[in-house]
Amino acid sequence: MPQHAQNTRVCRDCDGFATAAITTGTRHRDGTRATLRITCPACKGTGHTVSAALARTGR
């Protein structure tokens, strides 16, 4: 039997790329670049949305 992939809804705000690293252009004293990690506020960094039925039950 063929295996089917689980259908999970991808967040439409971030298209599944929930975390981004943004380089600020500055460097630390050891030479590494200073970066900011930004997570999607809609899916809270998971990349997937929660169905409306589950969202309503978790008051």
C-alpha atoms as a PDB file:
ATOM      1  CA  MET A   1       0.000   0.000   0.000  1.00  0.00           C
ATOM      2  CA  PRO A   2       1.325   3.467  -0.768  1.00  0.00           C
ATOM      3  CA  GLN A   3       1.961   5.716   2.193  1.00  0.00           C
ATOM      4  CA  HIS A   4       0.115   9.017   2.180  1.00  0.00           C
ATOM      5  CA  ALA A   5       1.598  12.166   3.621  1.00  0.00           C
ATOM      6  CA  GLN A   6      -0.287  13.735   6.473  1.00  0.00           C
ATOM      7  CA  ASN A   7      -2.197  16.786   5.287  1.00  0.00           C
ATOM      8  CA  THR A   8      -1.211  19.685   7.499  1.00  0.00           C
ATOM      9  CA  ARG A   9      -2.244  23.207   6.687  1.00  0.00           C
ATOM     10  CA  VAL A  10       0.683  25.473   5.937  1.00  0.00           C
ATOM     11  CA  CYS A  11       0.502  28.941   7.462  1.00  0.00           C
ATOM     12  CA  ARG A  12      -0.551  31.379   4.756  1.00  0.00           C
ATOM     13  CA  ASP A  13       1.274  34.288   6.383  1.00  0.00           C
ATOM     14  CA  CYS A  14       4.736  32.720   6.243  1.00  0.00           C
ATOM     15  CA  ASP A  15       4.201  29.897   3.667  1.00  0.00           C
ATOM     16  CA  GLY A  16       5.749  27.355   6.051  1.00  0.00           C
ATOM     17  CA  PHE A  17       8.973  29.327   6.636  1.00  0.00           C
ATOM     18  CA  ALA A  18       8.138  30.271  10.199  1.00  0.00           C
ATOM     19  CA  THR A  19      11.552  31.485  11.372  1.00  0.00           C
ATOM     20  CA  ALA A  20      13.886  33.886   9.599  1.00  0.00           C
ATOM     21  CA  ALA A  21      17.400  35.001  10.527  1.00  0.00           C
ATOM     22  CA  ILE A  22      18.101  38.612   9.578  1.00  0.00           C
ATOM     23  CA  THR A  23      21.663  39.885   9.487  1.00  0.00           C
ATOM     24  CA  THR A  24      22.036  43.391  10.916  1.00  0.00           C
ATOM     25  CA  GLY A  25      25.343  44.111   9.166  1.00  0.00           C
ATOM     26  CA  THR A  26      27.297  44.551  12.386  1.00  0.00           C
ATOM     27  CA  ARG A  27      29.762  42.094  13.860  1.00  0.00           C
ATOM     28  CA  HIS A  28      30.503  40.947  17.401  1.00  0.00           C
ATOM     29  CA  ARG A  29      33.997  41.240  18.878  1.00  0.00           C
ATOM     30  CA  ASP A  30      34.785  37.636  17.915  1.00  0.00           C
ATOM     31  CA  GLY A  31      33.957  38.321  14.241  1.00  0.00           C
ATOM     32  CA  THR A  32      30.564  36.631  14.040  1.00  0.00           C
ATOM     33  CA  ARG A  33      27.674  38.539  12.533  1.00  0.00           C
ATOM     34  CA  ALA A  34      24.875  39.902  14.686  1.00  0.00           C
ATOM     35  CA  THR A  35      21.572  38.321  13.619  1.00  0.00           C
ATOM     36  CA  LEU A  36      17.959  38.638  14.701  1.00  0.00           C
ATOM     37  CA  ARG A  37      15.655  35.609  14.789  1.00  0.00           C
ATOM     38  CA  ILE A  38      12.098  36.494  13.816  1.00  0.00           C
ATOM     39  CA  THR A  39       9.186  34.046  14.181  1.00  0.00           C
ATOM     40  CA  CYS A  40       5.816  34.256  12.466  1.00  0.00           C
ATOM     41  CA  PRO A  41       3.216  35.682  14.885  1.00  0.00           C
ATOM     42  CA  ALA A  42       0.324  33.903  13.150  1.00  0.00           C
ATOM     43  CA  CYS A  43       1.584  30.332  13.640  1.00  0.00           C
ATOM     44  CA  LYS A  44       3.979  31.095  16.533  1.00  0.00           C
ATOM     45  CA  GLY A  45       6.959  29.581  14.729  1.00  0.00           C
ATOM     46  CA  THR A  46       5.480  26.190  13.853  1.00  0.00           C
ATOM     47  CA  GLY A  47       4.833  26.808  10.142  1.00  0.00           C
ATOM     48  CA  HIS A  48       1.402  25.178  10.335  1.00  0.00           C
ATOM     49  CA  THR A  49      -1.986  26.590  11.174  1.00  0.00           C
ATOM     50  CA  VAL A  50      -4.405  25.117  13.655  1.00  0.00           C
ATOM     51  CA  SER A  51      -7.833  24.229  12.351  1.00  0.00           C
ATOM     52  CA  ALA A  52     -10.654  26.567  13.345  1.00  0.00           C
ATOM     53  CA  ALA A  53     -12.417  23.837  15.351  1.00  0.00           C
ATOM     54  CA  LEU A  54      -9.358  23.261  17.538  1.00  0.00           C
ATOM     55  CA  ALA A  55      -8.773  26.978  17.996  1.00  0.00           C
ATOM     56  CA  ARG A  56     -12.305  27.521  19.295  1.00  0.00           C
ATOM     57  CA  THR A  57     -12.110  24.773  21.899  1.00  0.00           C
ATOM     58  CA  GLY A  58      -8.944  26.068  23.554  1.00  0.00           C
ATOM     59  CA  ARG A  59     -10.428  29.141  25.178  1.00  0.00           C
END
